[in-house]
Amino acid sequence: MKANELREKDLAGLGDELLEKRKEQFNLRMQAATGQQPRPDLIKKARRDIARIKTVMNEKRKAGETS
């Protein structure tokens, strides 16, 4: 997911996307803990997507967008 795509969404849409990515990250961590060995690149991608979403959300908040 690219930052440009995220910037097109409103804060509510970004919140939904963040929740989805956090669930994905949790599921990948649980797979790793139970020994199912998920692909390490998926864990890294989920972590970076979460950071990217949070960054865009903060940019929008600072810009004064309330929706």
PDB file of N, CA and C in Angstrom:
ATOM      1  N   MET A   1       0.837  -1.165   0.000  1.00  0.00           N
ATOM      2  CA  MET A   1       0.000   0.000   0.000  1.00  0.00           C
ATOM      3  C   MET A   1       0.889   1.237   0.000  1.00  0.00           C
ATOM      4  N   LYS A   2       0.564   2.163  -0.860  1.00  0.00           N
ATOM      5  CA  LYS A   2       1.376   3.357  -1.008  1.00  0.00           C
ATOM      6  C   LYS A   2       0.764   4.514  -0.235  1.00  0.00           C
ATOM      7  N   ALA A   3       1.613   5.445   0.161  1.00  0.00           N
ATOM      8  CA  ALA A   3       1.160   6.597   0.934  1.00  0.00           C
ATOM      9  C   ALA A   3       0.188   7.451   0.121  1.00  0.00           C
ATOM     10  N   ASN A   4       0.382   7.523  -1.177  1.00  0.00           N
ATOM     11  CA  ASN A   4      -0.530   8.311  -2.011  1.00  0.00           C
ATOM     12  C   ASN A   4      -1.943   7.753  -1.960  1.00  0.00           C
ATOM     13  N   GLU A   5      -2.069   6.448  -1.946  1.00  0.00           N
ATOM     14  CA  GLU A   5      -3.385   5.822  -1.850  1.00  0.00           C
ATOM     15  C   GLU A   5      -4.016   6.128  -0.499  1.00  0.00           C
ATOM     16  N   LEU A   6      -3.206   6.133   0.542  1.00  0.00           N
ATOM     17  CA  LEU A   6      -3.716   6.401   1.879  1.00  0.00           C
ATOM     18  C   LEU A   6      -4.145   7.855   2.035  1.00  0.00           C
ATOM     19  N   ARG A   7      -3.443   8.757   1.398  1.00  0.00           N
ATOM     20  CA  ARG A   7      -3.779  10.180   1.529  1.00  0.00           C
ATOM     21  C   ARG A   7      -5.130  10.507   0.908  1.00  0.00           C
ATOM     22  N   GLU A   8      -5.610   9.663   0.016  1.00  0.00           N
ATOM     23  CA  GLU A   8      -6.909   9.888  -0.618  1.00  0.00           C
ATOM     24  C   GLU A   8      -8.061   9.536   0.315  1.00  0.00           C
ATOM     25  N   LYS A   9      -7.798   8.744   1.348  1.00  0.00           N
ATOM     26  CA  LYS A   9      -8.846   8.314   2.276  1.00  0.00           C
ATOM     27  C   LYS A   9      -9.027   9.339   3.387  1.00  0.00           C
ATOM     28  N   ASP A  10     -10.225   9.322   4.009  1.00  0.00           N
ATOM     29  CA  ASP A  10     -10.457  10.193   5.153  1.00  0.00           C
ATOM     30  C   ASP A  10      -9.993   9.486   6.429  1.00  0.00           C
ATOM     31  N   LEU A  11     -10.070  10.178   7.560  1.00  0.00           N
ATOM     32  CA  LEU A  11      -9.574   9.619   8.812  1.00  0.00           C
ATOM     33  C   LEU A  11     -10.329   8.358   9.228  1.00  0.00           C
ATOM     34  N   ALA A  12     -11.631   8.306   8.966  1.00  0.00           N
ATOM     35  CA  ALA A  12     -12.401   7.111   9.319  1.00  0.00           C
ATOM     36  C   ALA A  12     -11.947   5.910   8.493  1.00  0.00           C
ATOM     37  N   GLY A  13     -11.705   6.128   7.229  1.00  0.00           N
ATOM     38  CA  GLY A  13     -11.214   5.056   6.360  1.00  0.00           C
ATOM     39  C   GLY A  13      -9.830   4.592   6.774  1.00  0.00           C
ATOM     40  N   LEU A  14      -8.999   5.540   7.171  1.00  0.00           N
ATOM     41  CA  LEU A  14      -7.659   5.186   7.639  1.00  0.00           C
ATOM     42  C   LEU A  14      -7.732   4.399   8.948  1.00  0.00           C
ATOM     43  N   GLY A  15      -8.667   4.772   9.809  1.00  0.00           N
ATOM     44  CA  GLY A  15      -8.837   4.039  11.062  1.00  0.00           C
ATOM     45  C   GLY A  15      -9.245   2.598  10.814  1.00  0.00           C
ATOM     46  N   ASP A  16     -10.136   2.404   9.856  1.00  0.00           N
ATOM     47  CA  ASP A  16     -10.554   1.045   9.498  1.00  0.00           C
ATOM     48  C   ASP A  16      -9.388   0.247   8.927  1.00  0.00           C
ATOM     49  N   GLU A  17      -8.606   0.885   8.084  1.00  0.00           N
ATOM     50  CA  GLU A  17      -7.449   0.228   7.478  1.00  0.00           C
ATOM     51  C   GLU A  17      -6.415  -0.129   8.547  1.00  0.00           C
ATOM     52  N   LEU A  18      -6.227   0.766   9.511  1.00  0.00           N
ATOM     53  CA  LEU A  18      -5.284   0.521  10.600  1.00  0.00           C
ATOM     54  C   LEU A  18      -5.731  -0.674  11.431  1.00  0.00           C
ATOM     55  N   LEU A  19      -7.008  -0.745  11.733  1.00  0.00           N
ATOM     56  CA  LEU A  19      -7.534  -1.873  12.503  1.00  0.00           C
ATOM     57  C   LEU A  19      -7.325  -3.191  11.760  1.00  0.00           C
ATOM     58  N   GLU A  20      -7.572  -3.177  10.464  1.00  0.00           N
ATOM     59  CA  GLU A  20      -7.383  -4.376   9.648  1.00  0.00           C
ATOM     60  C   GLU A  20      -5.921  -4.836   9.645  1.00  0.00           C
ATOM     61  N   LYS A  21      -5.007  -3.877   9.500  1.00  0.00           N
ATOM     62  CA  LYS A  21      -3.573  -4.217   9.468  1.00  0.00           C
ATOM     63  C   LYS A  21      -3.094  -4.710  10.828  1.00  0.00           C
ATOM     64  N   ARG A  22      -3.632  -4.149  11.912  1.00  0.00           N
ATOM     65  CA  ARG A  22      -3.246  -4.615  13.247  1.00  0.00           C
ATOM     66  C   ARG A  22      -3.732  -6.036  13.490  1.00  0.00           C
ATOM     67  N   LYS A  23      -4.926  -6.353  12.998  1.00  0.00           N
ATOM     68  CA  LYS A  23      -5.421  -7.726  13.119  1.00  0.00           C
ATOM     69  C   LYS A  23      -4.542  -8.688  12.329  1.00  0.00           C
ATOM     70  N   GLU A  24      -4.147  -8.255  11.131  1.00  0.00           N
ATOM     71  CA  GLU A  24      -3.265  -9.074  10.304  1.00  0.00           C
ATOM     72  C   GLU A  24      -1.932  -9.312  11.017  1.00  0.00           C
ATOM     73  N   GLN A  25      -1.382  -8.249  11.605  1.00  0.00           N
ATOM     74  CA  GLN A  25      -0.114  -8.373  12.325  1.00  0.00           C
ATOM     75  C   GLN A  25      -0.262  -9.323  13.517  1.00  0.00           C
ATOM     76  N   PHE A  26      -1.366  -9.213  14.241  1.00  0.00           N
ATOM     77  CA  PHE A  26      -1.611 -10.095  15.380  1.00  0.00           C
ATOM     78  C   PHE A  26      -1.677 -11.549  14.936  1.00  0.00           C
ATOM     79  N   ASN A  27      -2.398 -11.805  13.859  1.00  0.00           N
ATOM     80  CA  ASN A  27      -2.511 -13.170  13.350  1.00  0.00           C
ATOM     81  C   ASN A  27      -1.161 -13.734  12.923  1.00  0.00           C
ATOM     82  N   LEU A  28      -0.342 -12.909  12.302  1.00  0.00           N
ATOM     83  CA  LEU A  28       0.999 -13.360  11.903  1.00  0.00           C
ATOM     84  C   LEU A  28       1.866 -13.652  13.124  1.00  0.00           C
ATOM     85  N   ARG A  29       1.741 -12.828  14.162  1.00  0.00           N
ATOM     86  CA  ARG A  29       2.511 -13.074  15.384  1.00  0.00           C
ATOM     87  C   ARG A  29       2.064 -14.359  16.060  1.00  0.00           C
ATOM     88  N   MET A  30       0.763 -14.627  16.051  1.00  0.00           N
ATOM     89  CA  MET A  30       0.254 -15.853  16.672  1.00  0.00           C
ATOM     90  C   MET A  30       0.721 -17.081  15.883  1.00  0.00           C
ATOM     91  N   GLN A  31       0.762 -16.974  14.571  1.00  0.00           N
ATOM     92  CA  GLN A  31       1.274 -18.074  13.760  1.00  0.00           C
ATOM     93  C   GLN A  31       2.737 -18.347  14.094  1.00  0.00           C
ATOM     94  N   ALA A  32       3.506 -17.293  14.268  1.00  0.00           N
ATOM     95  CA  ALA A  32       4.922 -17.463  14.604  1.00  0.00           C
ATOM     96  C   ALA A  32       5.072 -18.083  15.992  1.00  0.00           C
ATOM     97  N   ALA A  33       4.213 -17.687  16.926  1.00  0.00           N
ATOM     98  CA  ALA A  33       4.312 -18.196  18.290  1.00  0.00           C
ATOM     99  C   ALA A  33       3.919 -19.665  18.380  1.00  0.00           C
ATOM    100  N   THR A  34       3.025 -20.102  17.512  1.00  0.00           N
ATOM    101  CA  THR A  34       2.593 -21.499  17.553  1.00  0.00           C
ATOM    102  C   THR A  34       3.453 -22.391  16.668  1.00  0.00           C
ATOM    103  N   GLY A  35       4.475 -21.813  16.059  1.00  0.00           N
ATOM    104  CA  GLY A  35       5.408 -22.613  15.277  1.00  0.00           C
ATOM    105  C   GLY A  35       5.016 -22.836  13.836  1.00  0.00           C
ATOM    106  N   GLN A  36       4.056 -22.089  13.328  1.00  0.00           N
ATOM    107  CA  GLN A  36       3.642 -22.276  11.940  1.00  0.00           C
ATOM    108  C   GLN A  36       4.555 -21.543  10.958  1.00  0.00           C
ATOM    109  N   GLN A  37       5.466 -20.744  11.462  1.00  0.00           N
ATOM    110  CA  GLN A  37       6.463 -20.064  10.649  1.00  0.00           C
ATOM    111  C   GLN A  37       5.862 -19.293   9.470  1.00  0.00           C
ATOM    112  N   PRO A  38       5.212 -18.147   9.746  1.00  0.00           N
ATOM    113  CA  PRO A  38       4.733 -17.340   8.620  1.00  0.00           C
ATOM    114  C   PRO A  38       5.917 -16.748   7.871  1.00  0.00           C
ATOM    115  N   ARG A  39       5.659 -16.281   6.695  1.00  0.00           N
ATOM    116  CA  ARG A  39       6.738 -15.681   5.912  1.00  0.00           C
ATOM    117  C   ARG A  39       7.188 -14.391   6.598  1.00  0.00           C
ATOM    118  N   PRO A  40       8.474 -14.252   6.861  1.00  0.00           N
ATOM    119  CA  PRO A  40       8.973 -13.064   7.566  1.00  0.00           C
ATOM    120  C   PRO A  40       8.699 -11.761   6.816  1.00  0.00           C
ATOM    121  N   ASP A  41       8.636 -11.828   5.500  1.00  0.00           N
ATOM    122  CA  ASP A  41       8.384 -10.607   4.746  1.00  0.00           C
ATOM    123  C   ASP A  41       6.971 -10.078   4.982  1.00  0.00           C
ATOM    124  N   LEU A  42       6.020 -10.949   5.304  1.00  0.00           N
ATOM    125  CA  LEU A  42       4.660 -10.494   5.583  1.00  0.00           C
ATOM    126  C   LEU A  42       4.596  -9.733   6.898  1.00  0.00           C
ATOM    127  N   ILE A  43       5.360 -10.189   7.886  1.00  0.00           N
ATOM    128  CA  ILE A  43       5.395  -9.510   9.175  1.00  0.00           C
ATOM    129  C   ILE A  43       5.988  -8.108   8.991  1.00  0.00           C
ATOM    130  N   LYS A  44       7.059  -8.030   8.247  1.00  0.00           N
ATOM    131  CA  LYS A  44       7.719  -6.755   7.990  1.00  0.00           C
ATOM    132  C   LYS A  44       6.798  -5.819   7.218  1.00  0.00           C
ATOM    133  N   LYS A  45       6.089  -6.352   6.228  1.00  0.00           N
ATOM    134  CA  LYS A  45       5.188  -5.535   5.415  1.00  0.00           C
ATOM    135  C   LYS A  45       4.045  -4.991   6.262  1.00  0.00           C
ATOM    136  N   ALA A  46       3.478  -5.822   7.122  1.00  0.00           N
ATOM    137  CA  ALA A  46       2.378  -5.378   7.984  1.00  0.00           C
ATOM    138  C   ALA A  46       2.842  -4.270   8.925  1.00  0.00           C
ATOM    139  N   ARG A  47       4.029  -4.432   9.490  1.00  0.00           N
ATOM    140  CA  ARG A  47       4.562  -3.429  10.414  1.00  0.00           C
ATOM    141  C   ARG A  47       4.780  -2.097   9.700  1.00  0.00           C
ATOM    142  N   ARG A  48       5.305  -2.152   8.500  1.00  0.00           N
ATOM    143  CA  ARG A  48       5.550  -0.916   7.748  1.00  0.00           C
ATOM    144  C   ARG A  48       4.254  -0.262   7.286  1.00  0.00           C
ATOM    145  N   ASP A  49       3.263  -1.075   6.913  1.00  0.00           N
ATOM    146  CA  ASP A  49       1.967  -0.516   6.518  1.00  0.00           C
ATOM    147  C   ASP A  49       1.310   0.205   7.692  1.00  0.00           C
ATOM    148  N   ILE A  50       1.414  -0.376   8.892  1.00  0.00           N
ATOM    149  CA  ILE A  50       0.855   0.260  10.081  1.00  0.00           C
ATOM    150  C   ILE A  50       1.528   1.610  10.319  1.00  0.00           C
ATOM    151  N   ALA A  51       2.838   1.650  10.220  1.00  0.00           N
ATOM    152  CA  ALA A  51       3.571   2.904  10.409  1.00  0.00           C
ATOM    153  C   ALA A  51       3.176   3.928   9.353  1.00  0.00           C
ATOM    154  N   ARG A  52       3.007   3.476   8.124  1.00  0.00           N
ATOM    155  CA  ARG A  52       2.635   4.377   7.030  1.00  0.00           C
ATOM    156  C   ARG A  52       1.245   4.967   7.269  1.00  0.00           C
ATOM    157  N   ILE A  53       0.314   4.136   7.721  1.00  0.00           N
ATOM    158  CA  ILE A  53      -1.047   4.602   7.998  1.00  0.00           C
ATOM    159  C   ILE A  53      -1.036   5.618   9.135  1.00  0.00           C
ATOM    160  N   LYS A  54      -0.296   5.320  10.191  1.00  0.00           N
ATOM    161  CA  LYS A  54      -0.221   6.245  11.325  1.00  0.00           C
ATOM    162  C   LYS A  54       0.388   7.579  10.909  1.00  0.00           C
ATOM    163  N   THR A  55       1.381   7.542  10.048  1.00  0.00           N
ATOM    164  CA  THR A  55       2.014   8.766   9.578  1.00  0.00           C
ATOM    165  C   THR A  55       1.023   9.625   8.807  1.00  0.00           C
ATOM    166  N   VAL A  56       0.273   9.016   7.914  1.00  0.00           N
ATOM    167  CA  VAL A  56      -0.708   9.772   7.123  1.00  0.00           C
ATOM    168  C   VAL A  56      -1.812  10.308   8.033  1.00  0.00           C
ATOM    169  N   MET A  57      -2.223   9.523   9.029  1.00  0.00           N
ATOM    170  CA  MET A  57      -3.251   9.994   9.960  1.00  0.00           C
ATOM    171  C   MET A  57      -2.756  11.227  10.719  1.00  0.00           C
ATOM    172  N   ASN A  58      -1.512  11.205  11.178  1.00  0.00           N
ATOM    173  CA  ASN A  58      -0.959  12.358  11.884  1.00  0.00           C
ATOM    174  C   ASN A  58      -0.835  13.565  10.974  1.00  0.00           C
ATOM    175  N   GLU A  59      -0.463  13.353   9.724  1.00  0.00           N
ATOM    176  CA  GLU A  59      -0.391  14.456   8.769  1.00  0.00           C
ATOM    177  C   GLU A  59      -1.755  15.109   8.604  1.00  0.00           C
ATOM    178  N   LYS A  60      -2.788  14.283   8.488  1.00  0.00           N
ATOM    179  CA  LYS A  60      -4.137  14.813   8.306  1.00  0.00           C
ATOM    180  C   LYS A  60      -4.611  15.550   9.553  1.00  0.00           C
ATOM    181  N   ARG A  61      -4.306  15.015  10.727  1.00  0.00           N
ATOM    182  CA  ARG A  61      -4.708  15.683  11.970  1.00  0.00           C
ATOM    183  C   ARG A  61      -4.032  17.044  12.107  1.00  0.00           C
ATOM    184  N   LYS A  62      -2.750  17.096  11.777  1.00  0.00           N
ATOM    185  CA  LYS A  62      -2.025  18.366  11.873  1.00  0.00           C
ATOM    186  C   LYS A  62      -2.524  19.370  10.848  1.00  0.00           C
ATOM    187  N   ALA A  63      -2.989  18.888   9.718  1.00  0.00           N
ATOM    188  CA  ALA A  63      -3.499  19.769   8.682  1.00  0.00           C
ATOM    189  C   ALA A  63      -4.901  20.301   9.037  1.00  0.00           C
ATOM    190  N   GLY A  64      -5.524  19.685  10.031  1.00  0.00           N
ATOM    191  CA  GLY A  64      -6.822  20.176  10.494  1.00  0.00           C
ATOM    192  C   GLY A  64      -8.008  19.445   9.917  1.00  0.00           C
ATOM    193  N   GLU A  65      -7.796  18.353   9.276  1.00  0.00           N
ATOM    194  CA  GLU A  65      -8.907  17.582   8.731  1.00  0.00           C
ATOM    195  C   GLU A  65      -9.580  16.816   9.871  1.00  0.00           C
ATOM    196  N   THR A  66     -10.886  16.984  10.028  1.00  0.00           N
ATOM    197  CA  THR A  66     -11.583  16.357  11.156  1.00  0.00           C
ATOM    198  C   THR A  66     -12.472  15.204  10.766  1.00  0.00           C
ATOM    199  N   SER A  67     -12.728  15.009   9.497  1.00  0.00           N
ATOM    200  CA  SER A  67     -13.638  13.928   9.080  1.00  0.00           C
ATOM    201  C   SER A  67     -12.962  12.620   8.962  1.00  0.00           C
TER     202      SER A  67
END
